[in-house]
Amino acid sequence: MPQNKISILKAQVFGRVQGVWFRGTTQKMATQLALTGWVKNELDGSVRVFAEGPEDAIKKLVEWLHQGPSYAKVMKVKYDIQEGIRKYHTFSITN
């Protein structure tokens, strides 16, 4: 039985992205796009994102990550999109 292939996003967002509700708004955006995965703060001040879903929705999330919520100041987004198999059922904020 063939597996359901989807796009997988691994991203790291740099700039003023902690303390500006970046994780909460990323979760909201990902949920609206029907993506699953997680978002978390890193010790270096960046935010890491792992998202799974249709390629078009992943690309919309990448566009959004370059902007972020209104109080954020995104300086750089490093990301990679690959094909994969869904592992998550929701999009969560992790520690």
N, C-alpha and C. Protein backbone atom coordinates (compact mmCIF):
# COMPACT_ATOMS: atom_id res chain seq x y z
N MET A 1 0.84 -1.18 0.00
CA MET A 1 0.00 0.00 0.00
C MET A 1 0.89 1.25 0.00
N PRO A 2 0.73 2.16 -0.96
CA PRO A 2 1.61 3.33 -1.05
C PRO A 2 1.37 4.31 0.10
N GLN A 3 2.47 4.91 0.56
CA GLN A 3 2.38 5.92 1.62
C GLN A 3 1.91 7.25 1.01
N ASN A 4 1.29 8.07 1.84
CA ASN A 4 0.82 9.39 1.40
C ASN A 4 1.98 10.38 1.51
N LYS A 5 2.60 10.73 0.39
CA LYS A 5 3.75 11.63 0.37
C LYS A 5 3.28 13.08 0.53
N ILE A 6 4.02 13.83 1.32
CA ILE A 6 3.72 15.24 1.56
C ILE A 6 5.03 16.02 1.53
N SER A 7 4.93 17.33 1.65
CA SER A 7 6.13 18.16 1.75
C SER A 7 6.46 18.39 3.22
N ILE A 8 7.75 18.41 3.52
CA ILE A 8 8.26 18.63 4.88
C ILE A 8 9.11 19.90 4.86
N LEU A 9 8.80 20.82 5.76
CA LEU A 9 9.56 22.06 5.91
C LEU A 9 10.36 22.01 7.19
N LYS A 10 11.65 22.29 7.08
CA LYS A 10 12.51 22.50 8.25
C LYS A 10 13.04 23.91 8.11
N ALA A 11 12.70 24.78 9.06
CA ALA A 11 13.09 26.19 8.95
C ALA A 11 13.62 26.71 10.27
N GLN A 12 14.49 27.73 10.16
CA GLN A 12 14.98 28.46 11.33
C GLN A 12 14.89 29.94 10.99
N VAL A 13 14.24 30.69 11.88
CA VAL A 13 13.97 32.10 11.65
C VAL A 13 14.81 32.93 12.62
N PHE A 14 15.53 33.92 12.07
CA PHE A 14 16.44 34.75 12.86
C PHE A 14 15.96 36.20 12.86
N GLY A 15 16.30 36.92 13.93
CA GLY A 15 15.93 38.32 14.07
C GLY A 15 15.27 38.53 15.41
N ARG A 16 14.39 39.53 15.50
CA ARG A 16 13.61 39.73 16.73
C ARG A 16 12.37 38.85 16.60
N VAL A 17 12.52 37.58 17.00
CA VAL A 17 11.46 36.61 16.78
C VAL A 17 11.03 35.90 18.07
N GLN A 18 11.63 36.27 19.19
CA GLN A 18 11.18 35.75 20.48
C GLN A 18 10.61 36.90 21.28
N GLY A 19 9.56 36.60 22.05
CA GLY A 19 8.91 37.64 22.85
C GLY A 19 7.98 38.52 22.05
N VAL A 20 7.64 38.10 20.82
CA VAL A 20 6.76 38.89 19.94
C VAL A 20 5.58 38.04 19.44
N TRP A 21 5.29 36.96 20.16
CA TRP A 21 4.21 36.03 19.85
C TRP A 21 4.41 35.34 18.50
N PHE A 22 5.67 35.08 18.16
CA PHE A 22 5.99 34.43 16.88
C PHE A 22 5.48 32.99 16.86
N ARG A 23 5.71 32.25 17.95
CA ARG A 23 5.27 30.85 17.97
C ARG A 23 3.76 30.73 17.89
N GLY A 24 3.05 31.56 18.63
CA GLY A 24 1.59 31.49 18.63
C GLY A 24 0.98 31.82 17.28
N THR A 25 1.52 32.84 16.63
CA THR A 25 0.97 33.21 15.32
C THR A 25 1.42 32.22 14.24
N THR A 26 2.60 31.61 14.41
CA THR A 26 3.01 30.56 13.47
C THR A 26 2.07 29.36 13.59
N GLN A 27 1.73 29.00 14.82
CA GLN A 27 0.79 27.90 15.04
C GLN A 27 -0.57 28.21 14.40
N LYS A 28 -1.04 29.42 14.59
CA LYS A 28 -2.33 29.83 14.01
C LYS A 28 -2.28 29.76 12.47
N MET A 29 -1.23 30.28 11.88
CA MET A 29 -1.09 30.27 10.43
C MET A 29 -1.00 28.84 9.90
N ALA A 30 -0.19 28.02 10.54
CA ALA A 30 -0.03 26.63 10.10
C ALA A 30 -1.35 25.87 10.20
N THR A 31 -2.09 26.10 11.27
CA THR A 31 -3.38 25.44 11.44
C THR A 31 -4.36 25.89 10.36
N GLN A 32 -4.37 27.17 10.04
CA GLN A 32 -5.24 27.67 8.96
C GLN A 32 -4.88 27.04 7.62
N LEU A 33 -3.60 26.72 7.43
CA LEU A 33 -3.13 26.11 6.19
C LEU A 33 -3.23 24.58 6.22
N ALA A 34 -3.79 24.03 7.30
CA ALA A 34 -3.96 22.58 7.49
C ALA A 34 -2.62 21.84 7.53
N LEU A 35 -1.61 22.49 8.12
CA LEU A 35 -0.30 21.88 8.28
C LEU A 35 -0.18 21.29 9.68
N THR A 36 0.67 20.29 9.83
CA THR A 36 0.97 19.71 11.13
C THR A 36 2.45 19.89 11.40
N GLY A 37 2.85 19.72 12.67
CA GLY A 37 4.25 19.86 13.04
C GLY A 37 4.40 20.62 14.34
N TRP A 38 5.44 21.46 14.42
CA TRP A 38 5.70 22.20 15.65
C TRP A 38 6.54 23.45 15.39
N VAL A 39 6.56 24.32 16.41
CA VAL A 39 7.38 25.53 16.41
C VAL A 39 7.97 25.67 17.81
N LYS A 40 9.23 26.10 17.89
CA LYS A 40 9.85 26.26 19.21
C LYS A 40 10.92 27.34 19.19
N ASN A 41 11.15 27.93 20.36
CA ASN A 41 12.23 28.89 20.55
C ASN A 41 13.54 28.13 20.72
N GLU A 42 14.61 28.70 20.19
CA GLU A 42 15.95 28.15 20.37
C GLU A 42 16.73 29.04 21.34
N LEU A 43 17.74 28.47 21.98
CA LEU A 43 18.55 29.22 22.95
C LEU A 43 19.28 30.40 22.32
N ASP A 44 19.57 30.34 21.01
CA ASP A 44 20.29 31.43 20.35
C ASP A 44 19.38 32.59 19.96
N GLY A 45 18.09 32.55 20.33
CA GLY A 45 17.17 33.64 20.03
C GLY A 45 16.37 33.43 18.75
N SER A 46 16.67 32.36 18.03
CA SER A 46 15.92 32.07 16.80
C SER A 46 14.68 31.24 17.12
N VAL A 47 13.88 31.00 16.09
CA VAL A 47 12.71 30.14 16.20
C VAL A 47 12.86 29.04 15.15
N ARG A 48 12.62 27.79 15.57
CA ARG A 48 12.70 26.65 14.66
C ARG A 48 11.30 26.16 14.35
N VAL A 49 11.08 25.81 13.07
CA VAL A 49 9.76 25.36 12.61
C VAL A 49 9.92 24.05 11.86
N PHE A 50 9.04 23.10 12.15
CA PHE A 50 8.94 21.85 11.40
C PHE A 50 7.48 21.73 11.00
N ALA A 51 7.21 21.69 9.70
CA ALA A 51 5.83 21.62 9.23
C ALA A 51 5.69 20.57 8.14
N GLU A 52 4.52 19.94 8.11
CA GLU A 52 4.21 18.90 7.12
C GLU A 52 2.89 19.23 6.46
N GLY A 53 2.79 18.95 5.15
CA GLY A 53 1.52 19.14 4.46
C GLY A 53 1.72 19.34 2.98
N PRO A 54 0.65 19.79 2.31
CA PRO A 54 0.73 20.02 0.87
C PRO A 54 1.77 21.09 0.52
N GLU A 55 2.44 20.90 -0.60
CA GLU A 55 3.52 21.81 -0.99
C GLU A 55 3.07 23.26 -1.09
N ASP A 56 1.88 23.51 -1.64
CA ASP A 56 1.42 24.89 -1.77
C ASP A 56 1.23 25.55 -0.40
N ALA A 57 0.73 24.80 0.56
CA ALA A 57 0.54 25.34 1.92
C ALA A 57 1.89 25.57 2.59
N ILE A 58 2.84 24.68 2.38
CA ILE A 58 4.19 24.85 2.93
C ILE A 58 4.82 26.13 2.38
N LYS A 59 4.67 26.37 1.09
CA LYS A 59 5.24 27.58 0.47
C LYS A 59 4.60 28.84 1.04
N LYS A 60 3.29 28.79 1.32
CA LYS A 60 2.61 29.95 1.93
C LYS A 60 3.15 30.20 3.34
N LEU A 61 3.42 29.13 4.08
CA LEU A 61 3.98 29.31 5.42
C LEU A 61 5.38 29.91 5.34
N VAL A 62 6.19 29.46 4.39
CA VAL A 62 7.53 30.02 4.22
C VAL A 62 7.44 31.52 3.93
N GLU A 63 6.53 31.92 3.05
CA GLU A 63 6.33 33.36 2.78
C GLU A 63 6.00 34.09 4.06
N TRP A 64 5.09 33.53 4.86
CA TRP A 64 4.68 34.17 6.10
C TRP A 64 5.85 34.26 7.09
N LEU A 65 6.69 33.21 7.16
CA LEU A 65 7.83 33.22 8.08
C LEU A 65 8.79 34.36 7.78
N HIS A 66 8.89 34.78 6.54
CA HIS A 66 9.76 35.90 6.19
C HIS A 66 9.25 37.23 6.75
N GLN A 67 7.98 37.28 7.12
CA GLN A 67 7.37 38.49 7.67
C GLN A 67 7.12 38.34 9.16
N GLY A 68 6.44 37.27 9.55
CA GLY A 68 6.11 37.04 10.95
C GLY A 68 5.02 37.96 11.44
N PRO A 69 4.75 37.92 12.76
CA PRO A 69 3.73 38.81 13.34
C PRO A 69 4.21 40.26 13.35
N SER A 70 3.29 41.15 13.66
CA SER A 70 3.56 42.59 13.51
C SER A 70 4.76 43.10 14.32
N TYR A 71 5.02 42.56 15.51
CA TYR A 71 6.13 43.08 16.33
C TYR A 71 7.47 42.39 16.03
N ALA A 72 7.45 41.39 15.18
CA ALA A 72 8.70 40.69 14.84
C ALA A 72 9.50 41.50 13.83
N LYS A 73 10.80 41.26 13.83
CA LYS A 73 11.67 41.81 12.79
C LYS A 73 12.53 40.66 12.28
N VAL A 74 12.06 40.02 11.23
CA VAL A 74 12.74 38.86 10.66
C VAL A 74 13.93 39.33 9.84
N MET A 75 15.11 38.82 10.19
CA MET A 75 16.33 39.19 9.48
C MET A 75 16.71 38.14 8.44
N LYS A 76 16.43 36.86 8.76
CA LYS A 76 16.84 35.78 7.85
C LYS A 76 15.99 34.54 8.15
N VAL A 77 15.68 33.80 7.09
CA VAL A 77 15.00 32.51 7.24
C VAL A 77 15.82 31.48 6.47
N LYS A 78 16.34 30.49 7.19
CA LYS A 78 17.00 29.34 6.55
C LYS A 78 15.97 28.23 6.49
N TYR A 79 15.79 27.64 5.32
CA TYR A 79 14.79 26.57 5.25
C TYR A 79 15.12 25.56 4.17
N ASP A 80 14.52 24.39 4.33
CA ASP A 80 14.67 23.30 3.39
C ASP A 80 13.32 22.61 3.26
N ILE A 81 12.92 22.30 2.04
CA ILE A 81 11.66 21.59 1.80
C ILE A 81 12.00 20.28 1.11
N GLN A 82 11.50 19.19 1.68
CA GLN A 82 11.73 17.86 1.12
C GLN A 82 10.41 17.11 1.05
N GLU A 83 10.43 15.98 0.35
CA GLU A 83 9.27 15.11 0.35
C GLU A 83 9.38 14.16 1.53
N GLY A 84 8.26 13.82 2.13
CA GLY A 84 8.30 12.93 3.29
C GLY A 84 6.94 12.32 3.56
N ILE A 85 6.83 11.73 4.73
CA ILE A 85 5.58 11.09 5.17
C ILE A 85 5.15 11.74 6.47
N ARG A 86 3.87 12.02 6.60
CA ARG A 86 3.33 12.73 7.78
C ARG A 86 3.59 11.95 9.07
N LYS A 87 4.09 12.68 10.09
CA LYS A 87 4.35 12.09 11.41
C LYS A 87 3.44 12.69 12.49
N TYR A 88 2.97 13.91 12.28
CA TYR A 88 2.22 14.63 13.31
C TYR A 88 0.75 14.76 12.92
N HIS A 89 -0.10 14.96 13.95
CA HIS A 89 -1.54 15.10 13.71
C HIS A 89 -2.03 16.53 13.98
N THR A 90 -1.22 17.32 14.67
CA THR A 90 -1.57 18.70 14.99
C THR A 90 -0.33 19.57 14.78
N PHE A 91 -0.50 20.88 14.97
CA PHE A 91 0.64 21.79 14.95
C PHE A 91 0.76 22.37 16.35
N SER A 92 1.87 22.10 17.03
CA SER A 92 2.00 22.49 18.42
C SER A 92 3.18 23.44 18.67
N ILE A 93 3.11 24.08 19.82
CA ILE A 93 4.21 24.91 20.31
C ILE A 93 4.96 24.05 21.32
N THR A 94 6.28 23.89 21.12
CA THR A 94 7.06 23.06 22.04
C THR A 94 8.12 23.91 22.73
N ASN A 95 8.72 23.34 23.75
CA ASN A 95 9.77 24.04 24.50
C ASN A 95 11.14 23.67 24.00
